[in-house]
C-alpha atoms as a PDB file:
ATOM      1  CA  MET A   1       9.578 -28.554  36.365  1.00  0.00           C
ATOM      2  CA  PHE A   2      11.053 -31.589  34.694  1.00  0.00           C
ATOM      3  CA  ALA A   3      12.675 -32.831  37.895  1.00  0.00           C
ATOM      4  CA  SER A   4       9.396 -32.442  39.814  1.00  0.00           C
ATOM      5  CA  GLN A   5       7.532 -34.353  37.122  1.00  0.00           C
ATOM      6  CA  LEU A   6      10.011 -37.235  37.429  1.00  0.00           C
ATOM      7  CA  VAL A   7       9.596 -37.318  41.195  1.00  0.00           C
ATOM      8  CA  ALA A   8       5.806 -37.302  40.854  1.00  0.00           C
ATOM      9  CA  LEU A   9       5.897 -40.166  38.397  1.00  0.00           C
ATOM     10  CA  ALA A  10       8.196 -42.102  40.678  1.00  0.00           C
ATOM     11  CA  VAL A  11       5.876 -41.604  43.649  1.00  0.00           C
ATOM     12  CA  ILE A  12       2.905 -42.816  41.616  1.00  0.00           C
ATOM     13  CA  ALA A  13       4.821 -45.822  40.353  1.00  0.00           C
ATOM     14  CA  LEU A  14       6.132 -46.873  43.717  1.00  0.00           C
ATOM     15  CA  SER A  15       2.746 -46.519  45.395  1.00  0.00           C
ATOM     16  CA  MET A  16       0.937 -48.788  42.960  1.00  0.00           C
ATOM     17  CA  LYS A  17       0.051 -52.287  44.131  1.00  0.00           C
ATOM     18  CA  GLY A  18       2.487 -54.857  42.777  1.00  0.00           C
ATOM     19  CA  VAL A  19       5.035 -52.390  41.436  1.00  0.00           C
ATOM     20  CA  LYS A  20       6.718 -51.221  44.606  1.00  0.00           C
ATOM     21  CA  ALA A  21      10.481 -50.736  44.169  1.00  0.00           C
ATOM     22  CA  HIS A  22      10.329 -51.262  40.426  1.00  0.00           C
ATOM     23  CA  GLY A  23      10.171 -48.947  37.427  1.00  0.00           C
ATOM     24  CA  GLY A  24      11.933 -48.105  34.201  1.00  0.00           C
ATOM     25  CA  VAL A  25      13.210 -45.391  31.879  1.00  0.00           C
ATOM     26  CA  LEU A  26      10.852 -42.406  31.931  1.00  0.00           C
ATOM     27  CA  SER A  27      12.587 -40.050  29.505  1.00  0.00           C
ATOM     28  CA  TYR A  28      15.703 -39.313  27.456  1.00  0.00           C
ATOM     29  CA  SER A  29      17.866 -36.344  26.542  1.00  0.00           C
ATOM     30  CA  ASN A  30      20.378 -35.520  23.825  1.00  0.00           C
ATOM     31  CA  ASN A  31      22.150 -32.275  23.009  1.00  0.00           C
ATOM     32  CA  GLY A  32      19.909 -30.240  25.310  1.00  0.00           C
ATOM     33  CA  GLN A  33      16.687 -31.757  23.974  1.00  0.00           C
ATOM     34  CA  LEU A  34      14.410 -33.622  26.390  1.00  0.00           C
ATOM     35  CA  TYR A  35      12.196 -36.429  25.108  1.00  0.00           C
ATOM     36  CA  ASN A  36       9.401 -37.666  27.327  1.00  0.00           C
ATOM     37  CA  GLY A  37       9.018 -41.422  27.486  1.00  0.00           C
ATOM     38  CA  TRP A  38       6.055 -43.757  27.281  1.00  0.00           C
ATOM     39  CA  ALA A  39       3.584 -43.716  30.184  1.00  0.00           C
ATOM     40  CA  PRO A  40       2.976 -47.436  30.665  1.00  0.00           C
ATOM     41  CA  TYR A  41      -0.100 -47.182  32.893  1.00  0.00           C
ATOM     42  CA  ASN A  42      -1.857 -44.592  30.741  1.00  0.00           C
ATOM     43  CA  SER A  43      -3.991 -45.250  27.706  1.00  0.00           C
ATOM     44  CA  PRO A  44      -1.888 -45.598  24.549  1.00  0.00           C
ATOM     45  CA  ASP A  45      -4.308 -43.284  22.758  1.00  0.00           C
ATOM     46  CA  GLY A  46      -2.627 -39.990  21.992  1.00  0.00           C
ATOM     47  CA  GLN A  47       0.818 -40.958  23.275  1.00  0.00           C
ATOM     48  CA  SER A  48       3.593 -39.822  20.981  1.00  0.00           C
ATOM     49  CA  THR A  49       7.201 -40.377  22.017  1.00  0.00           C
ATOM     50  CA  ILE A  50      10.548 -41.670  20.793  1.00  0.00           C
ATOM     51  CA  GLN A  51      10.298 -44.524  23.305  1.00  0.00           C
ATOM     52  CA  ARG A  52       8.817 -47.870  22.328  1.00  0.00           C
ATOM     53  CA  PRO A  53       5.686 -48.716  24.381  1.00  0.00           C
ATOM     54  CA  TRP A  54       6.076 -50.774  27.526  1.00  0.00           C
ATOM     55  CA  ALA A  55       3.373 -52.052  29.809  1.00  0.00           C
ATOM     56  CA  THR A  56       4.559 -52.491  33.392  1.00  0.00           C
ATOM     57  CA  TYR A  57       7.020 -51.355  36.025  1.00  0.00           C
ATOM     58  CA  ASN A  58       7.520 -54.975  37.061  1.00  0.00           C
ATOM     59  CA  PRO A  59      10.823 -56.595  36.072  1.00  0.00           C
ATOM     60  CA  ILE A  60      11.388 -59.319  33.504  1.00  0.00           C
ATOM     61  CA  GLN A  61      12.740 -62.348  35.362  1.00  0.00           C
ATOM     62  CA  ASP A  62      13.491 -64.664  32.450  1.00  0.00           C
ATOM     63  CA  ALA A  63      16.511 -63.889  30.258  1.00  0.00           C
ATOM     64  CA  THR A  64      14.775 -65.634  27.351  1.00  0.00           C
ATOM     65  CA  ASP A  65      11.424 -63.877  27.751  1.00  0.00           C
ATOM     66  CA  PRO A  66       9.920 -62.769  24.410  1.00  0.00           C
ATOM     67  CA  THR A  67       9.730 -59.186  25.742  1.00  0.00           C
ATOM     68  CA  ILE A  68      13.414 -59.005  26.758  1.00  0.00           C
ATOM     69  CA  ALA A  69      14.410 -56.731  23.843  1.00  0.00           C
ATOM     70  CA  CYS A  70      12.422 -53.660  24.838  1.00  0.00           C
ATOM     71  CA  ASN A  71      10.085 -54.746  27.641  1.00  0.00           C
ATOM     72  CA  ASP A  72       7.256 -55.012  25.128  1.00  0.00           C
ATOM     73  CA  ASP A  73       6.029 -57.044  22.193  1.00  0.00           C
ATOM     74  CA  GLY A  74       8.659 -55.449  19.966  1.00  0.00           C
ATOM     75  CA  THR A  75       6.378 -53.282  17.862  1.00  0.00           C
ATOM     76  CA  SER A  76       6.054 -49.531  17.380  1.00  0.00           C
ATOM     77  CA  PRO A  77       2.764 -47.684  17.983  1.00  0.00           C
ATOM     78  CA  THR A  78       0.815 -45.104  16.061  1.00  0.00           C
ATOM     79  CA  GLY A  79       2.479 -41.777  16.810  1.00  0.00           C
ATOM     80  CA  GLN A  80       5.980 -43.207  17.160  1.00  0.00           C
ATOM     81  CA  GLN A  81       8.631 -40.491  17.040  1.00  0.00           C
ATOM     82  CA  THR A  82      12.347 -40.642  16.271  1.00  0.00           C
ATOM     83  CA  ALA A  83      15.102 -38.432  17.683  1.00  0.00           C
ATOM     84  CA  THR A  84      17.976 -37.268  15.486  1.00  0.00           C
ATOM     85  CA  VAL A  85      21.245 -37.960  17.307  1.00  0.00           C
ATOM     86  CA  ALA A  86      24.732 -37.062  16.127  1.00  0.00           C
ATOM     87  CA  ALA A  87      27.382 -39.768  16.325  1.00  0.00           C
ATOM     88  CA  GLY A  88      29.787 -38.871  19.120  1.00  0.00           C
ATOM     89  CA  SER A  89      27.087 -37.170  21.212  1.00  0.00           C
ATOM     90  CA  ASP A  90      25.638 -38.289  24.546  1.00  0.00           C
ATOM     91  CA  VAL A  91      22.224 -39.842  25.126  1.00  0.00           C
ATOM     92  CA  THR A  92      20.953 -39.890  28.709  1.00  0.00           C
ATOM     93  CA  ALA A  93      18.232 -42.180  30.039  1.00  0.00           C
ATOM     94  CA  TYR A  94      16.291 -41.133  33.151  1.00  0.00           C
ATOM     95  CA  TRP A  95      14.973 -43.798  35.515  1.00  0.00           C
ATOM     96  CA  ASN A  96      12.375 -43.096  38.199  1.00  0.00           C
ATOM     97  CA  GLN A  97      13.961 -41.493  41.258  1.00  0.00           C
ATOM     98  CA  VAL A  98      15.380 -42.786  43.430  1.00  0.00           C
ATOM     99  CA  TRP A  99      16.182 -46.093  41.707  1.00  0.00           C
ATOM    100  CA  PRO A 100      16.135 -48.726  44.473  1.00  0.00           C
ATOM    101  CA  HIS A 101      18.494 -51.429  43.165  1.00  0.00           C
ATOM    102  CA  PRO A 102      22.224 -50.567  43.533  1.00  0.00           C
ATOM    103  CA  TYR A 103      23.637 -54.063  42.867  1.00  0.00           C
ATOM    104  CA  GLY A 104      23.911 -55.019  39.242  1.00  0.00           C
ATOM    105  CA  PRO A 105      25.257 -54.066  35.815  1.00  0.00           C
ATOM    106  CA  MET A 106      24.241 -51.392  33.320  1.00  0.00           C
ATOM    107  CA  PHE A 107      24.125 -51.921  29.559  1.00  0.00           C
ATOM    108  CA  THR A 108      23.414 -49.900  26.428  1.00  0.00           C
ATOM    109  CA  TYR A 109      22.811 -51.567  23.066  1.00  0.00           C
ATOM    110  CA  LEU A 110      22.130 -50.367  19.542  1.00  0.00           C
ATOM    111  CA  ALA A 111      20.354 -52.164  16.705  1.00  0.00           C
ATOM    112  CA  GLN A 112      20.251 -50.800  13.169  1.00  0.00           C
ATOM    113  CA  CYS A 113      16.926 -51.032  11.380  1.00  0.00           C
ATOM    114  CA  PRO A 114      16.615 -51.929   7.700  1.00  0.00           C
ATOM    115  CA  GLY A 115      15.574 -49.112   5.418  1.00  0.00           C
ATOM    116  CA  SER A 116      15.133 -45.477   6.343  1.00  0.00           C
ATOM    117  CA  SER A 117      13.036 -45.866   9.523  1.00  0.00           C
ATOM    118  CA  CYS A 118      12.517 -48.138  12.528  1.00  0.00           C
ATOM    119  CA  ASP A 119       8.747 -47.587  12.367  1.00  0.00           C
ATOM    120  CA  GLY A 120       7.003 -50.932  12.193  1.00  0.00           C
ATOM    121  CA  VAL A 121      10.224 -52.879  12.772  1.00  0.00           C
ATOM    122  CA  ASN A 122      10.000 -55.583  15.431  1.00  0.00           C
ATOM    123  CA  ALA A 123      12.789 -55.296  17.994  1.00  0.00           C
ATOM    124  CA  ALA A 124      13.059 -59.084  18.235  1.00  0.00           C
ATOM    125  CA  ASP A 125      14.052 -59.275  14.562  1.00  0.00           C
ATOM    126  CA  LEU A 126      17.049 -56.960  14.909  1.00  0.00           C
ATOM    127  CA  ASP A 127      20.735 -57.629  15.531  1.00  0.00           C
ATOM    128  CA  TRP A 128      21.910 -55.838  18.679  1.00  0.00           C
ATOM    129  CA  PHE A 129      25.410 -54.774  19.666  1.00  0.00           C
ATOM    130  CA  LYS A 130      26.617 -53.488  23.010  1.00  0.00           C
ATOM    131  CA  VAL A 131      28.129 -49.997  23.059  1.00  0.00           C
ATOM    132  CA  ASP A 132      28.346 -49.385  26.818  1.00  0.00           C
ATOM    133  CA  GLN A 133      28.521 -51.455  29.986  1.00  0.00           C
ATOM    134  CA  SER A 134      29.412 -51.148  33.652  1.00  0.00           C
ATOM    135  CA  GLY A 135      29.515 -54.064  36.066  1.00  0.00           C
ATOM    136  CA  LEU A 136      31.315 -54.312  39.397  1.00  0.00           C
ATOM    137  CA  ILE A 137      33.331 -51.101  39.665  1.00  0.00           C
ATOM    138  CA  SER A 138      35.029 -51.725  43.003  1.00  0.00           C
ATOM    139  CA  GLY A 139      34.816 -53.912  46.076  1.00  0.00           C
ATOM    140  CA  THR A 140      33.252 -57.343  46.232  1.00  0.00           C
ATOM    141  CA  VAL A 141      30.218 -58.792  44.497  1.00  0.00           C
ATOM    142  CA  ALA A 142      28.424 -58.966  47.862  1.00  0.00           C
ATOM    143  CA  ASP A 143      28.610 -55.287  48.798  1.00  0.00           C
ATOM    144  CA  GLY A 144      30.718 -53.474  46.226  1.00  0.00           C
ATOM    145  CA  TYR A 145      30.060 -50.461  44.017  1.00  0.00           C
ATOM    146  CA  TRP A 146      28.204 -51.414  40.848  1.00  0.00           C
ATOM    147  CA  GLY A 147      27.154 -49.745  37.616  1.00  0.00           C
ATOM    148  CA  SER A 148      23.635 -49.561  39.018  1.00  0.00           C
ATOM    149  CA  GLY A 149      24.957 -47.782  42.074  1.00  0.00           C
ATOM    150  CA  LYS A 150      26.687 -45.250  39.864  1.00  0.00           C
ATOM    151  CA  MET A 151      23.423 -44.728  37.982  1.00  0.00           C
ATOM    152  CA  ILE A 152      21.691 -43.984  41.293  1.00  0.00           C
ATOM    153  CA  ASP A 153      24.481 -41.602  42.330  1.00  0.00           C
ATOM    154  CA  ASP A 154      23.995 -39.765  39.024  1.00  0.00           C
ATOM    155  CA  ASN A 155      20.402 -38.922  39.967  1.00  0.00           C
ATOM    156  CA  SER A 156      19.071 -42.185  38.540  1.00  0.00           C
ATOM    157  CA  THR A 157      20.425 -41.470  35.067  1.00  0.00           C
ATOM    158  CA  TRP A 158      22.753 -43.245  32.689  1.00  0.00           C
ATOM    159  CA  THR A 159      24.626 -41.444  29.916  1.00  0.00           C
ATOM    160  CA  THR A 160      26.065 -43.247  26.924  1.00  0.00           C
ATOM    161  CA  THR A 161      28.158 -41.683  24.164  1.00  0.00           C
ATOM    162  CA  ILE A 162      27.118 -42.841  20.714  1.00  0.00           C
ATOM    163  CA  PRO A 163      30.398 -44.069  19.207  1.00  0.00           C
ATOM    164  CA  SER A 164      31.556 -41.791  16.408  1.00  0.00           C
ATOM    165  CA  SER A 165      32.492 -44.894  14.416  1.00  0.00           C
ATOM    166  CA  VAL A 166      28.907 -46.243  14.262  1.00  0.00           C
ATOM    167  CA  PRO A 167      27.507 -46.025  10.709  1.00  0.00           C
ATOM    168  CA  SER A 168      24.746 -43.485  10.169  1.00  0.00           C
ATOM    169  CA  GLY A 169      21.211 -44.804   9.960  1.00  0.00           C
ATOM    170  CA  SER A 170      18.013 -45.632  11.835  1.00  0.00           C
ATOM    171  CA  TYR A 171      18.483 -47.419  15.164  1.00  0.00           C
ATOM    172  CA  LEU A 172      16.841 -48.575  18.327  1.00  0.00           C
ATOM    173  CA  ILE A 173      18.811 -47.722  21.457  1.00  0.00           C
ATOM    174  CA  ARG A 174      18.301 -50.068  24.396  1.00  0.00           C
ATOM    175  CA  PHE A 175      19.154 -48.983  27.949  1.00  0.00           C
ATOM    176  CA  GLU A 176      19.090 -51.727  30.553  1.00  0.00           C
ATOM    177  CA  THR A 177      19.758 -52.174  34.240  1.00  0.00           C
ATOM    178  CA  VAL A 178      19.861 -55.644  35.791  1.00  0.00           C
ATOM    179  CA  ALA A 179      19.168 -56.056  39.512  1.00  0.00           C
ATOM    180  CA  LEU A 180      20.973 -58.926  41.254  1.00  0.00           C
ATOM    181  CA  HIS A 181      19.629 -58.520  44.775  1.00  0.00           C
ATOM    182  CA  SER A 182      17.281 -61.472  44.226  1.00  0.00           C
ATOM    183  CA  LEU A 183      17.245 -64.573  42.058  1.00  0.00           C
ATOM    184  CA  PRO A 184      16.233 -64.915  39.332  1.00  0.00           C
ATOM    185  CA  ALA A 185      17.812 -61.654  38.212  1.00  0.00           C
ATOM    186  CA  GLN A 186      15.546 -58.707  37.416  1.00  0.00           C
ATOM    187  CA  PHE A 187      15.841 -57.189  33.926  1.00  0.00           C
ATOM    188  CA  TYR A 188      14.714 -53.627  33.207  1.00  0.00           C
ATOM    189  CA  PRO A 189      15.208 -52.809  29.487  1.00  0.00           C
ATOM    190  CA  GLU A 190      13.551 -50.031  27.483  1.00  0.00           C
ATOM    191  CA  CYS A 191      14.149 -48.804  23.935  1.00  0.00           C
ATOM    192  CA  ALA A 192      13.858 -45.611  21.927  1.00  0.00           C
ATOM    193  CA  GLN A 193      14.103 -44.810  18.238  1.00  0.00           C
ATOM    194  CA  ILE A 194      16.955 -42.630  16.999  1.00  0.00           C
ATOM    195  CA  ASP A 195      18.452 -41.610  13.675  1.00  0.00           C
ATOM    196  CA  ILE A 196      22.227 -41.433  13.951  1.00  0.00           C
ATOM    197  CA  THR A 197      23.845 -38.818  11.731  1.00  0.00           C
ATOM    198  CA  GLY A 198      27.479 -38.055  10.918  1.00  0.00           C
ATOM    199  CA  GLY A 199      28.559 -41.588  11.732  1.00  0.00           C
ATOM    200  CA  GLY A 200      31.584 -43.622  10.703  1.00  0.00           C
ATOM    201  CA  ASP A 201      32.097 -46.879   8.861  1.00  0.00           C
ATOM    202  CA  LEU A 202      32.859 -49.428  11.580  1.00  0.00           C
ATOM    203  CA  ALA A 203      30.134 -52.057  11.480  1.00  0.00           C
ATOM    204  CA  PRO A 204      29.870 -54.459  14.443  1.00  0.00           C
ATOM    205  CA  THR A 205      31.493 -57.837  13.913  1.00  0.00           C
ATOM    206  CA  SER A 206      29.418 -61.015  13.808  1.00  0.00           C
ATOM    207  CA  ASP A 207      30.489 -62.041  17.308  1.00  0.00           C
ATOM    208  CA  GLN A 208      29.330 -58.666  18.658  1.00  0.00           C
ATOM    209  CA  LEU A 209      25.779 -59.134  17.328  1.00  0.00           C
ATOM    210  CA  VAL A 210      22.978 -60.858  19.241  1.00  0.00           C
ATOM    211  CA  LYS A 211      19.225 -61.239  19.083  1.00  0.00           C
ATOM    212  CA  PHE A 212      16.866 -60.518  21.954  1.00  0.00           C
ATOM    213  CA  PRO A 213      15.731 -63.011  23.027  1.00  0.00           C
ATOM    214  CA  GLY A 214      18.881 -65.011  22.390  1.00  0.00           C
ATOM    215  CA  GLY A 215      21.627 -62.716  23.656  1.00  0.00           C
ATOM    216  CA  TYR A 216      21.236 -63.846  27.267  1.00  0.00           C
ATOM    217  CA  SER A 217      20.764 -67.177  29.010  1.00  0.00           C
ATOM    218  CA  ASN A 218      19.308 -67.861  32.421  1.00  0.00           C
ATOM    219  CA  ASP A 219      22.495 -69.840  33.099  1.00  0.00           C
ATOM    220  CA  ASP A 220      24.843 -66.903  32.420  1.00  0.00           C
ATOM    221  CA  PRO A 221      27.185 -66.637  35.430  1.00  0.00           C
ATOM    222  CA  GLY A 222      26.512 -62.899  35.543  1.00  0.00           C
ATOM    223  CA  PHE A 223      22.831 -63.570  36.213  1.00  0.00           C
ATOM    224  CA  THR A 224      23.154 -66.475  38.643  1.00  0.00           C
ATOM    225  CA  VAL A 225      25.652 -64.935  41.037  1.00  0.00           C
ATOM    226  CA  ASP A 226      24.418 -65.081  44.634  1.00  0.00           C
ATOM    227  CA  LEU A 227      25.142 -61.782  46.391  1.00  0.00           C
ATOM    228  CA  TYR A 228      24.480 -63.418  49.761  1.00  0.00           C
ATOM    229  CA  GLY A 229      26.588 -66.523  49.275  1.00  0.00           C
ATOM    230  CA  THR A 230      30.005 -67.159  50.792  1.00  0.00           C
ATOM    231  CA  GLN A 231      31.841 -66.819  47.466  1.00  0.00           C
ATOM    232  CA  ALA A 232      30.423 -63.356  46.857  1.00  0.00           C
ATOM    233  CA  GLN A 233      32.021 -62.042  50.037  1.00  0.00           C
ATOM    234  CA  THR A 234      35.504 -62.198  48.477  1.00  0.00           C
ATOM    235  CA  MET A 235      34.673 -62.255  44.734  1.00  0.00           C
ATOM    236  CA  THR A 236      36.028 -59.145  42.999  1.00  0.00           C
ATOM    237  CA  ASP A 237      35.555 -60.165  39.357  1.00  0.00           C
ATOM    238  CA  TYR A 238      32.141 -60.087  37.726  1.00  0.00           C
ATOM    239  CA  PRO A 239      31.547 -61.929  34.419  1.00  0.00           C
ATOM    240  CA  MET A 240      29.777 -59.454  32.150  1.00  0.00           C
ATOM    241  CA  PRO A 241      26.839 -61.042  30.297  1.00  0.00           C
ATOM    242  CA  GLY A 242      26.086 -60.490  26.649  1.00  0.00           C
ATOM    243  CA  PRO A 243      28.325 -60.144  23.600  1.00  0.00           C
ATOM    244  CA  PRO A 244      31.760 -58.489  23.457  1.00  0.00           C
ATOM    245  CA  LEU A 245      31.691 -54.722  23.571  1.00  0.00           C
ATOM    246  CA  TYR A 246      31.539 -52.985  20.193  1.00  0.00           C
ATOM    247  CA  GLY A 247      34.805 -51.462  18.962  1.00  0.00           C
ATOM    248  CA  GLN A 248      37.089 -53.623  21.089  1.00  0.00           C
END
């Protein structure tokens, strides 16, 4: 039933005027538990989910946009839920099927919230660190195999292992795919609230922490690359945007 629900949502999303070929994260899973996501075109009344609210399937096309953290105004709604996630376990994000943009990188970020809960915490105030990324896997920038292509091959899902070294606490997890088939680049980030348990004691370093907005620039080479230009035909190295990867 879950798979059919995802397909139905995708059909609805892709048939709506102005949102064709766009979308976002519709749900999450961890340790056999499925968590439905926010329904952006439904009334917020009565919605209760671990995902932060987001309003549209359309992409963000400005790396400095005030909504770049979580594709929203950064706040949590009434009825916000939080998933308990063990450090070292996998969290999977499910995009609408079939995701249409195979050229671009994938990212997963974490941001620890102050206190015992992320409820009421604005995502733009947090310090984010990158725990997972996948850029150009093979081939050339113009027509190679990208992280986004791998996400599509995995039934429009992306799975990230929560590092066992991450300190326990309340976090936002931010899954993001960036589409490079057109310029400016198209950003698709969404966030969910999780409590990490059984964690370690390796805090991210200062150079691994960024704000959103602030962590990206519209001039980042990874966002300005022209897939249809002459250089892209032979270019086999892709400059990954954002901070250094946590733990490295």
